Amino acid sequence: MAVPKFTPAIGKNGLLQLANPGAPYRLLTIALAAGAGSMILLRIYAGVTAPEIPPGQLRRAAQIFRKLADDLDGGTKPDGGIADRADDAAVSVWHASGGEAVDAFKKLYTERIAPFPPAFARDCRVLAAGCDAYASLVEEVRKRLAEIDDAIMQVLWVVAFQPLTTALYAVAKAWAAVQIVRFAKLAQALKSLFAMKAAQILRMAFPSYVLTTLNYALIDGGAYAAGSISASATSKAAWGVPVGGVKENAENFGVIVGANTGYIAAYDAAKLAVPGPAGRGSEMAARLIGSGFGYTPTENAIKGKEDLGPAPEQWVPKLESHGLRALIFPPGWRFVR
């Protein structure tokens, strides 16, 4: 069986387009494979350079060293430690007895034995502090690695979400059609009151676009938030970083759904403002406008931040994710049957 070839062509935006209708799936597979490869390389790098000792074990070792030091010198105990009791016993020996042997013992004890326990206790506390510091370093390294891993996951999720969001939009549109039928019955009942046609009332009160967009924001936002939070939790769990409680994740879910609604509104506004036929370039611009001037400001507003706009470093993942999304999926893309 002959393998179908794809014919490259230059589109109106000067970007490479693929004539094969299955090209978006192939490009998506390549993007996902590249992302998976990046995460594998990250784990190889971490396995070579990152500390592997569990922070919990390091902190337990620090507790053991501190307890040993406290047992030796007493720490903050008023009755002292083992070394203090040994000193008292030794002093009682040369106070109660005399002679050459006792003098030799006194010299040996005061010069050789007595200085050791306090010095050893100090060394134990230094080791304990070192274990705590190393545990903090391990946690910080794992946190940074988890952030890098999560950043890759989020970019891949934004790109891979396009097929799902296309399907969800169809669901939202169908749901809106069902709602309009239901509202039509209500409008028909109000016809005599307003002396207007039912269709006019329906168009004025319940525009199809508004219903579709609201339904889409609810469905799409929930699906995107669930995937985004799951991706973050997976990255954190893989690196031993706490994934957060139910309340924290529920709050993040609500923030993402609200921010995604802002993205949809800004994206639609940008699409209306772009003249001429849609292309990959205009699609990417609309997505970046939706993300930078819809998603992030809404997210920051919900979180109560004073600066609503995106920080400069936030544009890099936006360019990566939405640029790939626009490159892989052309405007008006639908599932290939």
Protein backbone atom coordinates (compact mmCIF):
# COMPACT_ATOMS: atom_id res chain seq x y z
CA MET A 1 0.00 0.00 0.00
CA ALA A 2 1.46 3.34 -1.01
CA VAL A 3 2.20 5.78 1.76
CA PRO A 4 0.35 9.09 1.18
CA LYS A 5 2.66 12.02 0.71
CA PHE A 6 2.06 15.43 1.99
CA THR A 7 2.51 18.40 -0.18
CA PRO A 8 3.95 21.47 1.51
CA ALA A 9 2.46 24.77 0.44
CA ILE A 10 3.02 28.33 1.48
CA GLY A 11 -0.11 29.91 2.94
CA LYS A 12 -1.25 33.53 2.88
CA ASN A 13 0.67 34.27 6.05
CA GLY A 14 3.91 32.98 4.57
CA LEU A 15 3.81 30.01 6.96
CA LEU A 16 4.30 26.40 5.95
CA GLN A 17 1.01 24.57 5.56
CA LEU A 18 0.50 20.87 4.98
CA ALA A 19 -1.99 19.67 2.42
CA ASN A 20 -2.56 16.36 4.18
CA PRO A 21 -5.65 16.79 6.41
CA GLY A 22 -4.05 14.52 9.02
CA ALA A 23 -1.07 16.88 9.38
CA PRO A 24 -2.34 18.50 12.64
CA TYR A 25 -2.37 15.09 14.29
CA ARG A 26 1.14 14.36 13.10
CA LEU A 27 2.41 17.75 14.21
CA LEU A 28 0.67 17.29 17.57
CA THR A 29 2.34 13.89 17.95
CA ILE A 30 5.73 15.45 17.22
CA ALA A 31 5.09 18.24 19.77
CA LEU A 32 4.01 15.76 22.44
CA ALA A 33 7.01 13.52 21.71
CA ALA A 34 9.35 16.52 21.96
CA GLY A 35 7.76 17.54 25.28
CA ALA A 36 8.03 14.00 26.63
CA GLY A 37 11.66 13.91 25.52
CA SER A 38 12.34 17.18 27.34
CA MET A 39 10.89 15.77 30.57
CA ILE A 40 12.95 12.59 30.20
CA LEU A 41 16.11 14.66 29.70
CA LEU A 42 15.15 16.73 32.74
CA ARG A 43 14.94 13.57 34.83
CA ILE A 44 18.27 12.31 33.49
CA TYR A 45 19.86 15.66 34.33
CA ALA A 46 18.30 15.62 37.78
CA GLY A 47 19.48 12.04 38.36
CA VAL A 48 23.08 13.11 37.67
CA THR A 49 23.20 16.51 39.36
CA ALA A 50 20.35 16.76 41.84
CA PRO A 51 20.62 15.43 45.41
CA GLU A 52 18.63 12.25 45.98
CA ILE A 53 18.61 11.99 49.79
CA PRO A 54 15.03 12.42 51.06
CA PRO A 55 14.69 15.65 53.09
CA GLY A 56 12.76 13.78 55.78
CA GLN A 57 15.70 11.47 56.44
CA LEU A 58 18.08 14.41 56.57
CA ARG A 59 15.92 16.17 59.15
CA ARG A 60 15.63 12.98 61.21
CA ALA A 61 19.45 12.76 61.16
CA ALA A 62 19.59 16.39 62.34
CA GLN A 63 17.27 15.55 65.25
CA ILE A 64 19.50 12.60 66.22
CA PHE A 65 22.64 14.77 66.22
CA ARG A 66 20.91 17.45 68.31
CA LYS A 67 19.67 14.89 70.82
CA LEU A 68 23.16 13.41 71.12
CA ALA A 69 24.59 16.89 71.75
CA ASP A 70 21.93 17.65 74.36
CA ASP A 71 22.59 14.31 76.08
CA LEU A 72 26.29 15.10 76.24
CA ASP A 73 26.30 18.71 77.47
CA GLY A 74 22.74 19.00 78.73
CA GLY A 75 21.72 21.69 76.27
CA THR A 76 19.25 23.92 78.12
CA LYS A 77 18.61 21.42 80.92
CA PRO A 78 19.35 22.88 84.35
CA ASP A 79 20.85 19.63 85.68
CA GLY A 80 23.28 19.31 82.75
CA GLY A 81 24.13 16.24 80.68
CA ILE A 82 26.26 13.10 80.78
CA ALA A 83 29.49 15.08 80.52
CA ASP A 84 28.53 17.25 83.51
CA ARG A 85 27.76 14.18 85.63
CA ALA A 86 31.06 12.59 84.58
CA ASP A 87 32.91 15.79 85.55
CA ASP A 88 31.23 15.80 88.95
CA ALA A 89 32.16 12.15 89.51
CA ALA A 90 35.77 12.76 88.48
CA VAL A 91 36.09 15.81 90.74
CA SER A 92 34.74 13.82 93.68
CA VAL A 93 37.51 11.26 93.12
CA TRP A 94 40.42 13.65 93.53
CA HIS A 95 38.66 15.58 96.27
CA ALA A 96 38.13 12.44 98.31
CA SER A 97 41.50 10.80 97.63
CA GLY A 98 45.09 11.73 97.05
CA GLY A 99 48.32 10.23 95.91
CA GLU A 100 50.32 9.86 92.73
CA ALA A 101 47.73 7.72 90.93
CA VAL A 102 44.91 10.18 91.66
CA ASP A 103 47.07 13.07 90.47
CA ALA A 104 47.82 11.19 87.25
CA PHE A 105 44.10 10.49 86.76
CA LYS A 106 43.27 14.17 87.38
CA LYS A 107 45.83 15.28 84.82
CA LEU A 108 44.58 12.76 82.24
CA TYR A 109 40.93 13.66 82.80
CA THR A 110 41.27 17.46 82.77
CA GLU A 111 43.64 17.56 79.80
CA ARG A 112 42.43 14.70 77.60
CA ILE A 113 38.95 13.57 78.55
CA ALA A 114 37.02 16.60 79.86
CA PRO A 115 37.44 18.78 76.70
CA PHE A 116 36.14 16.04 74.36
CA PRO A 117 32.36 15.90 75.18
CA PRO A 118 31.72 19.68 74.78
CA ALA A 119 33.70 19.75 71.52
CA PHE A 120 31.89 16.67 70.24
CA ALA A 121 28.52 18.20 71.21
CA ARG A 122 29.39 21.33 69.23
CA ASP A 123 30.34 19.18 66.22
CA CYS A 124 27.02 17.34 66.50
CA ARG A 125 25.12 20.63 66.38
CA VAL A 126 27.15 21.72 63.35
CA LEU A 127 26.26 18.44 61.64
CA ALA A 128 22.58 18.93 62.57
CA ALA A 129 22.58 22.41 61.05
CA GLY A 130 24.25 21.03 57.93
CA CYS A 131 21.59 18.29 57.59
CA ASP A 132 18.79 20.86 57.93
CA ALA A 133 20.43 23.15 55.37
CA TYR A 134 20.96 20.26 52.95
CA ALA A 135 17.33 19.16 53.38
CA SER A 136 16.20 22.69 52.52
CA LEU A 137 18.48 22.65 49.47
CA VAL A 138 17.02 19.32 48.31
CA GLU A 139 13.49 20.67 48.71
CA GLU A 140 14.35 23.86 46.80
CA VAL A 141 16.00 21.91 43.96
CA ARG A 142 13.02 19.56 43.72
CA LYS A 143 10.65 22.53 43.76
CA ARG A 144 12.54 24.17 40.86
CA LEU A 145 12.63 20.93 38.90
CA ALA A 146 8.90 20.47 39.50
CA GLU A 147 8.29 24.02 38.22
CA ILE A 148 10.24 23.30 35.02
CA ASP A 149 8.41 20.00 34.59
CA ASP A 150 5.06 21.70 35.19
CA ALA A 151 5.89 24.46 32.69
CA ILE A 152 6.51 21.82 30.01
CA MET A 153 3.30 19.99 30.97
CA GLN A 154 1.25 23.19 30.79
CA VAL A 155 2.56 24.06 27.32
CA LEU A 156 1.75 20.55 26.10
CA TRP A 157 -1.69 20.71 27.72
CA VAL A 158 -2.55 24.01 26.00
CA VAL A 159 -1.51 22.58 22.63
CA ALA A 160 -3.11 19.16 23.09
CA PHE A 161 -6.32 20.73 24.41
CA GLN A 162 -7.28 22.02 20.94
CA PRO A 163 -9.00 18.81 19.74
CA LEU A 164 -10.94 18.65 22.99
CA THR A 165 -11.90 22.32 22.91
CA THR A 166 -13.18 21.90 19.33
CA ALA A 167 -15.42 19.07 20.48
CA LEU A 168 -16.53 21.00 23.57
CA TYR A 169 -17.50 24.00 21.44
CA ALA A 170 -19.77 21.73 19.39
CA VAL A 171 -21.31 20.48 22.65
CA ALA A 172 -21.81 24.05 23.88
CA LYS A 173 -23.43 25.03 20.57
CA ALA A 174 -25.79 22.05 20.71
CA TRP A 175 -26.63 22.86 24.31
CA ALA A 176 -27.40 26.46 23.31
CA ALA A 177 -29.71 25.20 20.55
CA VAL A 178 -31.61 23.12 23.09
CA GLN A 179 -31.83 26.11 25.41
CA ILE A 180 -33.10 28.33 22.60
CA VAL A 181 -35.90 25.87 21.87
CA ARG A 182 -36.88 25.97 25.51
CA PHE A 183 -36.69 29.76 25.58
CA ALA A 184 -38.77 29.93 22.40
CA LYS A 185 -41.67 28.38 24.26
CA LEU A 186 -41.30 31.04 26.94
CA ALA A 187 -41.15 33.77 24.31
CA GLN A 188 -44.27 32.38 22.66
CA ALA A 189 -46.07 32.61 25.99
CA LEU A 190 -44.96 36.25 26.35
CA LYS A 191 -46.03 37.14 22.83
CA SER A 192 -49.41 38.52 23.81
CA LEU A 193 -47.92 40.62 26.62
CA PHE A 194 -45.32 42.40 24.46
CA ALA A 195 -47.23 42.33 21.16
CA MET A 196 -44.05 41.13 19.52
CA LYS A 197 -43.13 38.10 17.56
CA ALA A 198 -41.61 35.25 19.53
CA ALA A 199 -38.54 35.25 17.30
CA GLN A 200 -37.89 38.95 18.01
CA ILE A 201 -38.15 38.42 21.75
CA LEU A 202 -35.82 35.46 21.52
CA ARG A 203 -33.19 37.33 19.50
CA MET A 204 -33.28 40.28 21.90
CA ALA A 205 -33.19 38.34 25.17
CA PHE A 206 -31.22 35.20 24.37
CA PRO A 207 -28.78 35.67 21.46
CA SER A 208 -27.34 32.38 20.23
CA TYR A 209 -23.76 33.64 20.49
CA VAL A 210 -24.14 34.63 24.13
CA LEU A 211 -25.66 31.29 25.09
CA THR A 212 -23.05 29.34 23.16
CA THR A 213 -20.20 31.36 24.65
CA LEU A 214 -21.49 31.04 28.22
CA ASN A 215 -21.98 27.30 27.81
CA TYR A 216 -18.59 26.97 26.17
CA ALA A 217 -16.88 28.98 28.94
CA LEU A 218 -18.41 26.72 31.56
CA ILE A 219 -17.65 23.41 29.84
CA ASP A 220 -14.32 24.35 28.29
CA GLY A 221 -13.10 26.14 31.42
CA GLY A 222 -13.91 23.19 33.65
CA ALA A 223 -12.18 20.72 31.33
CA TYR A 224 -9.10 22.93 30.91
CA ALA A 225 -8.86 23.61 34.66
CA ALA A 226 -9.14 19.92 35.50
CA GLY A 227 -6.35 19.05 33.06
CA SER A 228 -4.12 21.93 34.17
CA ILE A 229 -4.44 21.09 37.87
CA SER A 230 -3.90 17.38 37.16
CA ALA A 231 -0.75 18.19 35.16
CA SER A 232 0.62 20.35 38.00
CA ALA A 233 -0.18 17.68 40.60
CA THR A 234 1.54 15.03 38.48
CA SER A 235 4.69 17.14 38.15
CA LYS A 236 4.78 17.94 41.87
CA ALA A 237 4.18 14.35 42.93
CA ALA A 238 6.92 13.12 40.57
CA TRP A 239 9.48 15.35 42.30
CA GLY A 240 8.24 14.80 45.85
CA VAL A 241 6.70 18.28 46.18
CA PRO A 242 3.36 18.61 48.08
CA VAL A 243 0.43 18.75 45.65
CA GLY A 244 -1.77 20.89 47.91
CA GLY A 245 -5.03 20.16 49.68
CA VAL A 246 -8.56 19.89 48.35
CA LYS A 247 -9.40 23.48 49.28
CA GLU A 248 -6.33 24.92 47.57
CA ASN A 249 -6.93 22.93 44.38
CA ALA A 250 -10.63 23.83 44.39
CA GLU A 251 -9.73 27.52 44.62
CA ASN A 252 -7.23 27.13 41.77
CA PHE A 253 -9.93 25.37 39.74
CA GLY A 254 -12.27 28.34 40.14
CA VAL A 255 -9.53 30.82 39.26
CA ILE A 256 -8.66 28.93 36.05
CA VAL A 257 -12.32 28.66 34.98
CA GLY A 258 -12.79 32.42 35.52
CA ALA A 259 -9.53 33.28 33.76
CA ASN A 260 -10.42 31.01 30.84
CA THR A 261 -13.69 32.92 30.44
CA GLY A 262 -11.66 36.12 30.17
CA TYR A 263 -9.51 34.44 27.54
CA ILE A 264 -12.55 33.46 25.47
CA ALA A 265 -13.96 37.01 25.54
CA ALA A 266 -10.64 38.64 24.58
CA TYR A 267 -9.96 36.00 21.90
CA ASP A 268 -13.38 36.54 20.29
CA ALA A 269 -12.91 40.31 20.39
CA ALA A 270 -9.51 39.99 18.74
CA LYS A 271 -10.94 37.74 16.03
CA LEU A 272 -13.61 40.32 15.24
CA ALA A 273 -11.00 43.07 15.00
CA VAL A 274 -8.78 41.19 12.54
CA PRO A 275 -9.70 42.11 8.93
CA GLY A 276 -9.62 39.66 6.07
CA PRO A 277 -9.55 35.87 6.08
CA ALA A 278 -8.13 34.12 9.12
CA GLY A 279 -4.65 32.63 8.89
CA ARG A 280 -2.18 31.01 11.23
CA GLY A 281 -0.57 34.36 11.99
CA SER A 282 -3.83 36.09 12.86
CA GLU A 283 -4.91 33.03 14.84
CA MET A 284 -1.73 33.15 16.94
CA ALA A 285 -2.17 36.91 17.47
CA ALA A 286 -5.76 36.39 18.62
CA ARG A 287 -4.70 33.65 21.02
CA LEU A 288 -1.90 35.77 22.45
CA ILE A 289 -4.33 38.68 22.92
CA GLY A 290 -6.78 36.35 24.59
CA SER A 291 -4.09 34.99 26.91
CA GLY A 292 -2.24 38.24 27.65
CA PHE A 293 -5.18 40.61 27.85
CA GLY A 294 -7.98 38.25 28.85
CA TYR A 295 -6.73 35.24 30.79
CA THR A 296 -3.93 36.78 32.87
CA PRO A 297 -5.73 40.05 33.83
CA THR A 298 -8.81 38.06 34.88
CA GLU A 299 -6.64 35.63 36.86
CA ASN A 300 -4.80 38.48 38.62
CA ALA A 301 -8.07 40.29 39.35
CA ILE A 302 -9.57 37.17 40.95
CA LYS A 303 -6.43 36.73 43.06
CA GLY A 304 -6.63 40.39 44.16
CA LYS A 305 -3.34 41.50 42.61
CA GLU A 306 -2.79 45.17 41.93
CA ASP A 307 -0.89 44.68 38.66
CA LEU A 308 -3.34 42.98 36.31
CA GLY A 309 -1.15 42.71 33.23
CA PRO A 310 1.15 39.76 32.50
CA ALA A 311 4.77 39.96 33.66
CA PRO A 312 7.42 39.99 30.89
CA GLU A 313 8.53 36.44 31.70
CA GLN A 314 4.96 35.18 31.31
CA TRP A 315 5.01 35.95 27.57
CA VAL A 316 7.57 33.21 26.87
CA PRO A 317 5.29 30.25 27.75
CA LYS A 318 2.39 32.08 26.07
CA LEU A 319 4.36 32.33 22.82
CA GLU A 320 5.45 28.70 23.11
CA SER A 321 2.02 27.24 23.81
CA HIS A 322 -0.20 29.42 21.62
CA GLY A 323 2.40 29.64 18.86
CA LEU A 324 2.56 25.84 18.65
CA ARG A 325 -1.22 25.61 18.90
CA ALA A 326 -1.72 28.03 15.99
CA LEU A 327 1.01 26.34 13.93
CA ILE A 328 -0.39 22.83 14.40
CA PHE A 329 -4.09 23.59 14.13
CA PRO A 330 -5.09 25.98 11.32
CA PRO A 331 -8.10 28.32 11.70
CA GLY A 332 -11.39 26.50 11.32
CA TRP A 333 -9.78 23.13 12.00
CA ARG A 334 -12.20 20.28 12.55
CA PHE A 335 -11.78 16.61 13.33
CA VAL A 336 -10.72 14.59 10.29
CA ARG A 337 -13.24 11.89 9.57
